[in-house]
N, C-alpha and C. Protein backbone atom coordinates (compact mmCIF):
# COMPACT_ATOMS: atom_id res chain seq x y z
N MET A 1 0.85 -1.18 0.00
CA MET A 1 0.00 0.00 0.00
C MET A 1 0.89 1.24 0.00
N GLU A 2 0.60 2.17 -0.88
CA GLU A 2 1.39 3.39 -0.97
C GLU A 2 1.02 4.35 0.14
N LEU A 3 2.02 5.16 0.51
CA LEU A 3 1.72 6.22 1.48
C LEU A 3 0.74 7.19 0.85
N GLY A 4 -0.12 7.72 1.61
CA GLY A 4 -1.09 8.67 1.11
C GLY A 4 -2.34 8.00 0.55
N SER A 5 -2.30 6.67 0.36
CA SER A 5 -3.49 6.00 -0.17
C SER A 5 -4.27 5.30 0.95
N ARG A 6 -3.92 5.60 2.17
CA ARG A 6 -4.63 5.00 3.30
C ARG A 6 -6.04 5.54 3.35
N ARG A 7 -6.96 4.63 3.55
CA ARG A 7 -8.35 5.04 3.63
C ARG A 7 -8.68 5.35 5.08
N SER A 8 -9.56 6.29 5.25
CA SER A 8 -9.96 6.65 6.60
C SER A 8 -10.86 5.57 7.16
N GLU A 9 -10.97 5.54 8.48
CA GLU A 9 -11.84 4.58 9.14
C GLU A 9 -13.28 4.77 8.69
N GLU A 10 -13.67 6.00 8.45
CA GLU A 10 -15.03 6.29 7.99
C GLU A 10 -15.29 5.69 6.60
N GLU A 11 -14.32 5.81 5.69
CA GLU A 11 -14.47 5.24 4.36
C GLU A 11 -14.61 3.71 4.42
N ILE A 12 -13.80 3.10 5.26
CA ILE A 12 -13.85 1.65 5.42
C ILE A 12 -15.20 1.23 5.98
N THR A 13 -15.71 1.96 6.96
CA THR A 13 -17.00 1.65 7.56
C THR A 13 -18.12 1.77 6.53
N VAL A 14 -18.10 2.82 5.72
CA VAL A 14 -19.12 3.01 4.69
C VAL A 14 -19.07 1.86 3.68
N GLN A 15 -17.87 1.46 3.25
CA GLN A 15 -17.75 0.36 2.29
C GLN A 15 -18.19 -0.97 2.91
N THR A 16 -17.85 -1.18 4.16
CA THR A 16 -18.25 -2.41 4.85
C THR A 16 -19.76 -2.49 4.97
N ASN A 17 -20.38 -1.39 5.36
CA ASN A 17 -21.85 -1.37 5.48
C ASN A 17 -22.50 -1.61 4.12
N ALA A 18 -21.94 -1.08 3.06
CA ALA A 18 -22.48 -1.31 1.72
C ALA A 18 -22.36 -2.79 1.35
N ARG A 19 -21.24 -3.39 1.69
CA ARG A 19 -21.04 -4.82 1.39
C ARG A 19 -22.04 -5.68 2.18
N ILE A 20 -22.29 -5.33 3.43
CA ILE A 20 -23.26 -6.07 4.24
C ILE A 20 -24.65 -5.94 3.62
N ARG A 21 -25.01 -4.75 3.15
CA ARG A 21 -26.31 -4.57 2.48
C ARG A 21 -26.39 -5.46 1.24
N ASP A 22 -25.29 -5.54 0.47
CA ASP A 22 -25.26 -6.40 -0.72
C ASP A 22 -25.43 -7.86 -0.34
N LEU A 23 -24.77 -8.29 0.72
CA LEU A 23 -24.84 -9.68 1.14
C LEU A 23 -26.24 -10.06 1.61
N THR A 24 -26.96 -9.11 2.20
CA THR A 24 -28.31 -9.44 2.67
C THR A 24 -29.27 -9.68 1.51
N ARG A 25 -28.86 -9.29 0.31
CA ARG A 25 -29.68 -9.55 -0.87
C ARG A 25 -29.28 -10.87 -1.54
N ALA A 26 -28.23 -11.50 -1.04
CA ALA A 26 -27.72 -12.75 -1.61
C ALA A 26 -28.57 -13.92 -1.16
N PRO A 27 -28.38 -15.09 -1.79
CA PRO A 27 -29.12 -16.28 -1.36
C PRO A 27 -28.90 -16.59 0.11
N VAL A 28 -29.87 -17.22 0.71
CA VAL A 28 -29.85 -17.51 2.14
C VAL A 28 -28.60 -18.26 2.55
N ARG A 29 -28.12 -19.21 1.73
CA ARG A 29 -26.94 -19.99 2.09
C ARG A 29 -25.74 -19.10 2.41
N THR A 30 -25.59 -18.00 1.68
CA THR A 30 -24.48 -17.09 1.93
C THR A 30 -24.59 -16.49 3.33
N LEU A 31 -25.79 -16.18 3.75
CA LEU A 31 -25.99 -15.53 5.04
C LEU A 31 -25.79 -16.48 6.21
N THR A 32 -26.21 -17.70 6.08
CA THR A 32 -26.19 -18.60 7.22
C THR A 32 -24.79 -18.97 7.64
N CYS A 33 -23.83 -18.89 6.73
CA CYS A 33 -22.46 -19.31 7.05
C CYS A 33 -21.60 -18.15 7.53
N HIS A 34 -22.03 -16.95 7.40
CA HIS A 34 -21.20 -15.80 7.73
C HIS A 34 -21.47 -15.32 9.15
N PRO A 35 -20.43 -15.28 10.01
CA PRO A 35 -20.64 -14.91 11.41
C PRO A 35 -21.18 -13.50 11.61
N ALA A 36 -20.99 -12.62 10.64
CA ALA A 36 -21.48 -11.26 10.78
C ALA A 36 -23.00 -11.21 10.82
N PHE A 37 -23.66 -12.30 10.40
CA PHE A 37 -25.11 -12.31 10.33
C PHE A 37 -25.75 -13.10 11.45
N ALA A 38 -24.97 -13.48 12.44
CA ALA A 38 -25.53 -14.23 13.58
C ALA A 38 -26.63 -13.40 14.23
N GLY A 39 -27.78 -13.99 14.43
CA GLY A 39 -28.89 -13.32 15.08
C GLY A 39 -29.70 -12.42 14.17
N LEU A 40 -29.32 -12.30 12.90
CA LEU A 40 -30.03 -11.46 11.96
C LEU A 40 -31.34 -12.12 11.57
N THR A 41 -32.43 -11.38 11.62
CA THR A 41 -33.72 -11.91 11.20
C THR A 41 -33.93 -11.52 9.74
N LEU A 42 -34.06 -12.54 8.90
CA LEU A 42 -34.24 -12.29 7.48
C LEU A 42 -35.71 -12.05 7.16
N PRO A 43 -35.97 -11.25 6.15
CA PRO A 43 -37.35 -11.08 5.72
C PRO A 43 -37.91 -12.42 5.25
N LYS A 44 -39.20 -12.59 5.40
CA LYS A 44 -39.87 -13.83 5.03
C LYS A 44 -39.58 -14.22 3.58
N SER A 45 -39.47 -13.25 2.71
CA SER A 45 -39.24 -13.52 1.28
C SER A 45 -37.89 -14.15 1.01
N MET A 46 -36.94 -14.02 1.94
CA MET A 46 -35.61 -14.59 1.74
C MET A 46 -35.44 -15.96 2.37
N ARG A 47 -36.43 -16.41 3.13
CA ARG A 47 -36.33 -17.71 3.77
C ARG A 47 -36.83 -18.80 2.83
N GLN A 48 -36.26 -19.97 2.97
CA GLN A 48 -36.74 -21.10 2.19
C GLN A 48 -37.97 -21.69 2.87
N THR A 49 -38.85 -22.25 2.05
CA THR A 49 -40.06 -22.87 2.58
C THR A 49 -39.94 -24.38 2.44
N ILE A 50 -40.27 -25.08 3.49
CA ILE A 50 -40.28 -26.53 3.49
C ILE A 50 -41.72 -26.98 3.72
N LEU A 51 -42.18 -27.88 2.85
CA LEU A 51 -43.48 -28.50 3.04
C LEU A 51 -43.24 -29.86 3.69
N VAL A 52 -43.90 -30.08 4.83
CA VAL A 52 -43.82 -31.37 5.52
C VAL A 52 -45.20 -32.00 5.46
N ALA A 53 -45.28 -33.15 4.80
CA ALA A 53 -46.54 -33.90 4.71
C ALA A 53 -46.40 -35.12 5.60
N ASP A 54 -46.98 -35.04 6.79
CA ASP A 54 -46.86 -36.12 7.78
C ASP A 54 -48.07 -36.07 8.69
N ASP A 55 -48.71 -37.20 8.90
CA ASP A 55 -49.92 -37.22 9.73
C ASP A 55 -49.63 -37.46 11.20
N ASP A 56 -48.39 -37.69 11.58
CA ASP A 56 -48.05 -37.97 12.98
C ASP A 56 -47.73 -36.66 13.71
N GLU A 57 -48.57 -36.33 14.67
CA GLU A 57 -48.41 -35.08 15.42
C GLU A 57 -47.07 -34.99 16.15
N ASN A 58 -46.62 -36.10 16.72
CA ASN A 58 -45.33 -36.11 17.42
C ASN A 58 -44.17 -35.85 16.46
N ASP A 59 -44.21 -36.47 15.30
CA ASP A 59 -43.16 -36.23 14.31
C ASP A 59 -43.14 -34.77 13.88
N ARG A 60 -44.31 -34.19 13.65
CA ARG A 60 -44.38 -32.77 13.26
C ARG A 60 -43.78 -31.88 14.35
N PHE A 61 -44.06 -32.20 15.61
CA PHE A 61 -43.52 -31.42 16.72
C PHE A 61 -41.99 -31.43 16.69
N PHE A 62 -41.39 -32.61 16.57
CA PHE A 62 -39.92 -32.70 16.59
C PHE A 62 -39.29 -32.09 15.34
N ILE A 63 -39.94 -32.25 14.20
CA ILE A 63 -39.43 -31.64 12.98
C ILE A 63 -39.42 -30.12 13.13
N LYS A 64 -40.52 -29.58 13.63
CA LYS A 64 -40.63 -28.12 13.82
C LYS A 64 -39.54 -27.63 14.79
N ARG A 65 -39.36 -28.35 15.87
CA ARG A 65 -38.37 -27.95 16.88
C ARG A 65 -36.95 -27.97 16.31
N GLU A 66 -36.61 -28.99 15.54
CA GLU A 66 -35.25 -29.07 15.00
C GLU A 66 -35.00 -28.03 13.93
N PHE A 67 -35.96 -27.80 13.05
CA PHE A 67 -35.77 -26.80 12.01
C PHE A 67 -35.72 -25.39 12.58
N ALA A 68 -36.36 -25.16 13.71
CA ALA A 68 -36.33 -23.84 14.34
C ALA A 68 -34.92 -23.50 14.83
N LYS A 69 -34.09 -24.50 15.01
CA LYS A 69 -32.71 -24.28 15.48
C LYS A 69 -31.78 -23.85 14.36
N LEU A 70 -32.20 -23.98 13.12
CA LEU A 70 -31.36 -23.58 12.00
C LEU A 70 -31.33 -22.07 11.89
N ALA A 71 -30.26 -21.56 11.32
CA ALA A 71 -30.14 -20.11 11.18
C ALA A 71 -29.95 -19.77 9.71
N PRO A 72 -30.86 -19.06 9.11
CA PRO A 72 -32.16 -18.68 9.63
C PRO A 72 -33.12 -19.87 9.55
N PRO A 73 -34.10 -19.90 10.43
CA PRO A 73 -35.06 -21.01 10.36
C PRO A 73 -35.90 -20.90 9.09
N PRO A 74 -36.19 -22.04 8.47
CA PRO A 74 -37.02 -21.99 7.27
C PRO A 74 -38.47 -21.74 7.62
N GLU A 75 -39.23 -21.37 6.61
CA GLU A 75 -40.68 -21.27 6.76
C GLU A 75 -41.21 -22.69 6.61
N LEU A 76 -41.82 -23.23 7.65
CA LEU A 76 -42.37 -24.58 7.60
C LEU A 76 -43.86 -24.53 7.33
N ARG A 77 -44.32 -25.40 6.46
CA ARG A 77 -45.74 -25.56 6.20
C ARG A 77 -46.05 -27.05 6.37
N PHE A 78 -47.07 -27.36 7.15
CA PHE A 78 -47.43 -28.74 7.45
C PHE A 78 -48.78 -29.08 6.85
N VAL A 79 -48.88 -30.28 6.31
CA VAL A 79 -50.16 -30.86 5.91
C VAL A 79 -50.19 -32.27 6.49
N CYS A 80 -51.40 -32.77 6.78
CA CYS A 80 -51.50 -34.03 7.50
C CYS A 80 -52.01 -35.20 6.66
N ASP A 81 -52.20 -34.98 5.35
CA ASP A 81 -52.57 -36.11 4.50
C ASP A 81 -52.14 -35.82 3.06
N GLY A 82 -52.16 -36.86 2.25
CA GLY A 82 -51.71 -36.74 0.87
C GLY A 82 -52.54 -35.82 0.01
N GLU A 83 -53.84 -35.80 0.25
CA GLU A 83 -54.72 -34.93 -0.52
C GLU A 83 -54.40 -33.46 -0.25
N LYS A 84 -54.18 -33.12 1.01
CA LYS A 84 -53.81 -31.73 1.35
C LYS A 84 -52.44 -31.37 0.76
N ALA A 85 -51.54 -32.34 0.69
CA ALA A 85 -50.23 -32.09 0.09
C ALA A 85 -50.40 -31.68 -1.38
N LEU A 86 -51.24 -32.41 -2.10
CA LEU A 86 -51.47 -32.05 -3.51
C LEU A 86 -52.15 -30.69 -3.63
N ASN A 87 -53.14 -30.42 -2.77
CA ASN A 87 -53.81 -29.12 -2.80
C ASN A 87 -52.81 -28.00 -2.54
N TYR A 88 -51.91 -28.21 -1.59
CA TYR A 88 -50.88 -27.20 -1.30
C TYR A 88 -50.03 -26.97 -2.55
N LEU A 89 -49.53 -28.05 -3.14
CA LEU A 89 -48.63 -27.92 -4.29
C LEU A 89 -49.32 -27.30 -5.50
N LYS A 90 -50.60 -27.56 -5.67
CA LYS A 90 -51.37 -26.96 -6.78
C LYS A 90 -51.79 -25.53 -6.47
N GLY A 91 -51.78 -25.15 -5.18
CA GLY A 91 -52.27 -23.84 -4.79
C GLY A 91 -53.79 -23.79 -4.81
N ASP A 92 -54.43 -24.91 -4.49
CA ASP A 92 -55.90 -25.00 -4.51
C ASP A 92 -56.50 -24.72 -3.13
N GLY A 93 -57.75 -24.24 -3.16
CA GLY A 93 -58.52 -24.07 -1.93
C GLY A 93 -57.84 -23.18 -0.90
N GLU A 94 -57.72 -23.69 0.31
CA GLU A 94 -57.13 -22.92 1.41
C GLU A 94 -55.67 -22.53 1.16
N PHE A 95 -55.02 -23.15 0.17
CA PHE A 95 -53.61 -22.88 -0.12
C PHE A 95 -53.41 -21.97 -1.33
N SER A 96 -54.46 -21.30 -1.76
CA SER A 96 -54.38 -20.47 -2.97
C SER A 96 -53.58 -19.19 -2.77
N ASP A 97 -53.41 -18.73 -1.55
CA ASP A 97 -52.65 -17.51 -1.27
C ASP A 97 -51.16 -17.86 -1.22
N ARG A 98 -50.45 -17.64 -2.34
CA ARG A 98 -49.04 -18.02 -2.43
C ARG A 98 -48.12 -17.14 -1.57
N ASP A 99 -48.62 -16.02 -1.07
CA ASP A 99 -47.82 -15.25 -0.11
C ASP A 99 -47.71 -16.01 1.21
N ASN A 100 -48.80 -16.65 1.61
CA ASN A 100 -48.80 -17.42 2.86
C ASN A 100 -48.44 -18.89 2.66
N TYR A 101 -48.61 -19.40 1.46
CA TYR A 101 -48.32 -20.81 1.15
C TYR A 101 -47.45 -20.88 -0.10
N PRO A 102 -46.20 -20.40 0.00
CA PRO A 102 -45.33 -20.36 -1.19
C PRO A 102 -44.93 -21.76 -1.65
N THR A 103 -44.53 -21.84 -2.90
CA THR A 103 -44.02 -23.10 -3.44
C THR A 103 -42.81 -23.50 -2.61
N PRO A 104 -42.78 -24.73 -2.12
CA PRO A 104 -41.66 -25.14 -1.26
C PRO A 104 -40.38 -25.36 -2.04
N SER A 105 -39.25 -25.18 -1.35
CA SER A 105 -37.96 -25.47 -1.97
C SER A 105 -37.55 -26.92 -1.69
N VAL A 106 -38.15 -27.54 -0.68
CA VAL A 106 -37.91 -28.94 -0.34
C VAL A 106 -39.22 -29.50 0.23
N ILE A 107 -39.49 -30.78 -0.05
CA ILE A 107 -40.67 -31.46 0.49
C ILE A 107 -40.22 -32.66 1.31
N PHE A 108 -40.72 -32.76 2.53
CA PHE A 108 -40.54 -33.96 3.36
C PHE A 108 -41.86 -34.70 3.33
N LEU A 109 -41.83 -35.95 2.89
CA LEU A 109 -43.05 -36.68 2.58
C LEU A 109 -43.10 -38.02 3.32
N ASP A 110 -44.07 -38.14 4.21
CA ASP A 110 -44.31 -39.41 4.90
C ASP A 110 -44.98 -40.37 3.91
N LEU A 111 -44.68 -41.65 4.03
CA LEU A 111 -45.30 -42.62 3.12
C LEU A 111 -46.69 -43.04 3.55
N LYS A 112 -46.88 -43.24 4.83
CA LYS A 112 -48.14 -43.79 5.32
C LYS A 112 -49.03 -42.67 5.85
N MET A 113 -49.82 -42.10 4.94
CA MET A 113 -50.74 -41.02 5.29
C MET A 113 -52.13 -41.37 4.82
N PRO A 114 -53.15 -40.75 5.43
CA PRO A 114 -54.52 -40.97 4.96
C PRO A 114 -54.78 -40.31 3.60
N ARG A 115 -55.89 -40.69 3.02
CA ARG A 115 -56.40 -40.20 1.73
C ARG A 115 -55.50 -40.61 0.57
N LEU A 116 -54.34 -40.02 0.42
CA LEU A 116 -53.36 -40.45 -0.57
C LEU A 116 -52.07 -40.76 0.18
N ASN A 117 -51.44 -41.89 -0.14
CA ASN A 117 -50.20 -42.18 0.56
C ASN A 117 -49.03 -41.46 -0.10
N GLY A 118 -47.89 -41.54 0.53
CA GLY A 118 -46.71 -40.82 0.03
C GLY A 118 -46.27 -41.25 -1.36
N PHE A 119 -46.43 -42.53 -1.69
CA PHE A 119 -46.07 -42.99 -3.03
C PHE A 119 -46.93 -42.31 -4.08
N GLU A 120 -48.24 -42.20 -3.80
CA GLU A 120 -49.15 -41.56 -4.76
C GLU A 120 -48.82 -40.07 -4.91
N VAL A 121 -48.49 -39.42 -3.81
CA VAL A 121 -48.13 -37.99 -3.86
C VAL A 121 -46.83 -37.82 -4.64
N LEU A 122 -45.84 -38.65 -4.36
CA LEU A 122 -44.56 -38.57 -5.06
C LEU A 122 -44.74 -38.79 -6.56
N GLN A 123 -45.54 -39.75 -6.92
CA GLN A 123 -45.79 -40.03 -8.34
C GLN A 123 -46.43 -38.80 -9.01
N TRP A 124 -47.40 -38.18 -8.33
CA TRP A 124 -48.04 -36.98 -8.88
C TRP A 124 -47.02 -35.86 -9.04
N ILE A 125 -46.19 -35.64 -8.01
CA ILE A 125 -45.18 -34.57 -8.06
C ILE A 125 -44.29 -34.74 -9.28
N ARG A 126 -43.80 -35.95 -9.51
CA ARG A 126 -42.84 -36.19 -10.60
C ARG A 126 -43.47 -36.11 -11.98
N GLN A 127 -44.80 -36.04 -12.04
CA GLN A 127 -45.48 -35.93 -13.33
C GLN A 127 -45.89 -34.49 -13.66
N HIS A 128 -45.61 -33.55 -12.77
CA HIS A 128 -46.08 -32.18 -12.98
C HIS A 128 -44.93 -31.18 -12.93
N GLU A 129 -44.71 -30.55 -14.08
CA GLU A 129 -43.68 -29.53 -14.22
C GLU A 129 -44.25 -28.22 -13.69
N PRO A 130 -43.54 -27.36 -13.05
CA PRO A 130 -42.16 -27.42 -12.62
C PRO A 130 -41.99 -28.02 -11.21
N ILE A 131 -43.09 -28.42 -10.60
CA ILE A 131 -43.03 -28.97 -9.24
C ILE A 131 -42.15 -30.22 -9.20
N ARG A 132 -42.07 -30.94 -10.29
CA ARG A 132 -41.31 -32.18 -10.33
C ARG A 132 -39.83 -31.99 -10.01
N ARG A 133 -39.34 -30.74 -10.13
CA ARG A 133 -37.93 -30.47 -9.85
C ARG A 133 -37.64 -30.24 -8.37
N ILE A 134 -38.67 -30.10 -7.55
CA ILE A 134 -38.47 -29.86 -6.11
C ILE A 134 -37.90 -31.13 -5.46
N PRO A 135 -36.83 -31.00 -4.68
CA PRO A 135 -36.29 -32.18 -3.98
C PRO A 135 -37.33 -32.73 -3.00
N VAL A 136 -37.49 -34.06 -3.02
CA VAL A 136 -38.43 -34.73 -2.13
C VAL A 136 -37.67 -35.72 -1.28
N VAL A 137 -37.80 -35.55 0.04
CA VAL A 137 -37.20 -36.47 1.00
C VAL A 137 -38.32 -37.31 1.58
N VAL A 138 -38.26 -38.62 1.35
CA VAL A 138 -39.28 -39.52 1.87
C VAL A 138 -38.95 -39.87 3.31
N LEU A 139 -39.98 -39.82 4.15
CA LEU A 139 -39.85 -40.19 5.56
C LEU A 139 -40.71 -41.43 5.79
N SER A 140 -40.17 -42.41 6.47
CA SER A 140 -40.97 -43.59 6.73
C SER A 140 -40.44 -44.35 7.92
N SER A 141 -41.34 -45.04 8.59
CA SER A 141 -40.92 -45.95 9.64
C SER A 141 -40.55 -47.29 9.03
N SER A 142 -40.82 -47.46 7.74
CA SER A 142 -40.51 -48.70 7.03
C SER A 142 -39.08 -48.70 6.52
N SER A 143 -38.37 -49.78 6.82
CA SER A 143 -37.03 -49.94 6.28
C SER A 143 -36.98 -51.10 5.30
N THR A 144 -38.15 -51.51 4.78
CA THR A 144 -38.16 -52.61 3.83
C THR A 144 -37.56 -52.15 2.50
N GLN A 145 -36.77 -53.01 1.92
CA GLN A 145 -36.11 -52.68 0.65
C GLN A 145 -37.12 -52.41 -0.44
N GLU A 146 -38.26 -53.07 -0.40
CA GLU A 146 -39.31 -52.86 -1.39
C GLU A 146 -39.80 -51.41 -1.36
N ASP A 147 -40.05 -50.85 -0.15
CA ASP A 147 -40.49 -49.45 -0.04
C ASP A 147 -39.39 -48.49 -0.47
N ILE A 148 -38.16 -48.78 -0.09
CA ILE A 148 -37.03 -47.91 -0.46
C ILE A 148 -36.88 -47.89 -1.98
N ASP A 149 -36.88 -49.06 -2.60
CA ASP A 149 -36.74 -49.14 -4.06
C ASP A 149 -37.88 -48.44 -4.78
N LYS A 150 -39.10 -48.63 -4.27
CA LYS A 150 -40.27 -48.00 -4.90
C LYS A 150 -40.17 -46.47 -4.82
N ALA A 151 -39.77 -45.95 -3.64
CA ALA A 151 -39.65 -44.50 -3.48
C ALA A 151 -38.61 -43.92 -4.44
N TYR A 152 -37.44 -44.55 -4.51
CA TYR A 152 -36.42 -44.07 -5.44
C TYR A 152 -36.86 -44.24 -6.89
N GLY A 153 -37.56 -45.32 -7.16
CA GLY A 153 -38.07 -45.54 -8.51
C GLY A 153 -39.06 -44.47 -8.95
N LEU A 154 -39.80 -43.93 -7.99
CA LEU A 154 -40.77 -42.86 -8.28
C LEU A 154 -40.12 -41.48 -8.29
N GLY A 155 -38.84 -41.40 -7.93
CA GLY A 155 -38.13 -40.11 -8.03
C GLY A 155 -37.77 -39.44 -6.72
N ALA A 156 -37.79 -40.16 -5.61
CA ALA A 156 -37.37 -39.56 -4.34
C ALA A 156 -35.89 -39.17 -4.44
N ASN A 157 -35.55 -38.05 -3.80
CA ASN A 157 -34.15 -37.62 -3.75
C ASN A 157 -33.41 -38.22 -2.56
N ALA A 158 -34.16 -38.63 -1.55
CA ALA A 158 -33.59 -39.29 -0.37
C ALA A 158 -34.69 -40.07 0.32
N TYR A 159 -34.28 -41.10 1.07
CA TYR A 159 -35.23 -41.92 1.82
C TYR A 159 -34.68 -42.02 3.23
N LEU A 160 -35.43 -41.51 4.19
CA LEU A 160 -35.01 -41.53 5.59
C LEU A 160 -35.94 -42.42 6.40
N VAL A 161 -35.34 -43.33 7.16
CA VAL A 161 -36.13 -44.16 8.06
C VAL A 161 -36.22 -43.42 9.38
N LYS A 162 -37.45 -43.20 9.85
CA LYS A 162 -37.66 -42.48 11.10
C LYS A 162 -37.14 -43.34 12.27
N PRO A 163 -36.17 -42.82 13.01
CA PRO A 163 -35.68 -43.58 14.16
C PRO A 163 -36.72 -43.60 15.28
N ALA A 164 -36.73 -44.67 16.05
CA ALA A 164 -37.64 -44.77 17.20
C ALA A 164 -37.15 -43.91 18.36
N ASP A 165 -35.85 -43.71 18.45
CA ASP A 165 -35.23 -42.94 19.52
C ASP A 165 -35.36 -41.44 19.25
N VAL A 166 -35.85 -40.69 20.22
CA VAL A 166 -36.10 -39.25 20.04
C VAL A 166 -34.82 -38.50 19.71
N SER A 167 -33.73 -38.78 20.40
CA SER A 167 -32.48 -38.04 20.13
C SER A 167 -31.96 -38.34 18.73
N GLU A 168 -32.13 -39.57 18.26
CA GLU A 168 -31.72 -39.91 16.89
C GLU A 168 -32.62 -39.23 15.86
N PHE A 169 -33.91 -39.13 16.17
CA PHE A 169 -34.86 -38.44 15.31
C PHE A 169 -34.46 -36.97 15.18
N GLN A 170 -34.12 -36.34 16.30
CA GLN A 170 -33.71 -34.93 16.29
C GLN A 170 -32.43 -34.75 15.48
N LYS A 171 -31.47 -35.62 15.70
CA LYS A 171 -30.20 -35.54 14.98
C LYS A 171 -30.42 -35.70 13.47
N LEU A 172 -31.28 -36.64 13.09
CA LEU A 172 -31.57 -36.88 11.68
C LEU A 172 -32.12 -35.62 11.02
N PHE A 173 -33.08 -34.95 11.68
CA PHE A 173 -33.67 -33.76 11.07
C PHE A 173 -32.75 -32.55 11.14
N ARG A 174 -31.95 -32.46 12.15
CA ARG A 174 -30.99 -31.35 12.22
C ARG A 174 -30.00 -31.46 11.05
N THR A 175 -29.42 -32.64 10.85
CA THR A 175 -28.43 -32.78 9.78
C THR A 175 -29.06 -32.70 8.39
N THR A 176 -30.25 -33.28 8.24
CA THR A 176 -30.93 -33.21 6.94
C THR A 176 -31.33 -31.77 6.62
N GLY A 177 -31.85 -31.07 7.61
CA GLY A 177 -32.21 -29.66 7.41
C GLY A 177 -31.01 -28.82 7.04
N GLU A 178 -29.91 -29.01 7.75
CA GLU A 178 -28.68 -28.27 7.43
C GLU A 178 -28.23 -28.57 6.01
N PHE A 179 -28.27 -29.83 5.63
CA PHE A 179 -27.84 -30.19 4.27
C PHE A 179 -28.68 -29.48 3.22
N PHE A 180 -30.01 -29.64 3.29
CA PHE A 180 -30.86 -29.09 2.23
C PHE A 180 -30.94 -27.57 2.27
N LEU A 181 -30.84 -26.96 3.43
CA LEU A 181 -31.00 -25.51 3.51
C LEU A 181 -29.70 -24.74 3.42
N GLU A 182 -28.60 -25.33 3.83
CA GLU A 182 -27.35 -24.59 3.85
C GLU A 182 -26.34 -25.05 2.81
N HIS A 183 -26.48 -26.26 2.30
CA HIS A 183 -25.44 -26.77 1.40
C HIS A 183 -25.95 -27.15 0.02
N ALA A 184 -27.09 -27.77 -0.08
CA ALA A 184 -27.60 -28.23 -1.37
C ALA A 184 -28.18 -27.07 -2.17
N GLU A 185 -27.88 -27.06 -3.43
CA GLU A 185 -28.47 -26.08 -4.35
C GLU A 185 -29.78 -26.65 -4.85
N THR A 186 -30.80 -25.81 -4.92
CA THR A 186 -32.11 -26.27 -5.39
C THR A 186 -32.43 -25.62 -6.71
N PRO A 187 -33.26 -26.27 -7.53
CA PRO A 187 -33.60 -25.71 -8.84
C PRO A 187 -34.46 -24.47 -8.70
N SER A 188 -34.40 -23.62 -9.73
CA SER A 188 -35.26 -22.44 -9.73
C SER A 188 -36.69 -22.89 -10.03
N LEU A 189 -37.61 -22.21 -9.43
CA LEU A 189 -39.03 -22.49 -9.61
C LEU A 189 -39.72 -21.19 -10.00
N PRO A 190 -40.85 -21.27 -10.68
CA PRO A 190 -41.53 -20.04 -11.07
C PRO A 190 -42.00 -19.26 -9.85
N GLN A 191 -41.92 -17.95 -9.97
CA GLN A 191 -42.39 -17.08 -8.89
C GLN A 191 -43.90 -16.90 -9.00
N PRO A 192 -44.57 -16.71 -7.85
CA PRO A 192 -46.02 -16.50 -7.92
C PRO A 192 -46.36 -15.26 -8.72
N VAL A 193 -47.50 -15.30 -9.37
CA VAL A 193 -47.93 -14.19 -10.23
C VAL A 193 -48.53 -13.10 -9.39
């Protein structure tokens, strides 16, 4: 650095603040890894939305609790059966307001649900553009190879067996949430009109 080209503390502060403003407009993954943003509350529009289709109230409780620990926490939307999952994804009925029910960036899908099971929902998802590009993580208490093969055959991006142990269940969702929200890149989806 040449003499006389030293920047004042005020100039450095102004440039730093401008850079922080630029970073807050960046994708969420950039913000979650940077210590300067610890404790920063992001606007709702910058958070990722996760749709969880699971009819088990206890599972929903633990999923919600673990995802709330992520920084920033995602917007979680829960449905308790396969039919409601499809209505959410189509934006039908009670889910027509895309400001409150945005297209999810990741779907967690239980296999054994009322009305439509997870296999039927997954098959529908993979047949409808652009929703078919959304990553789908299948959740199941079943560890049978037949169910695993069927889920992957229908286009699941991952298959997770729900652990019976609460601490293992929490660990599974913490690491899966971190992976999909902080590390994995997701495809672009159309913005609501």
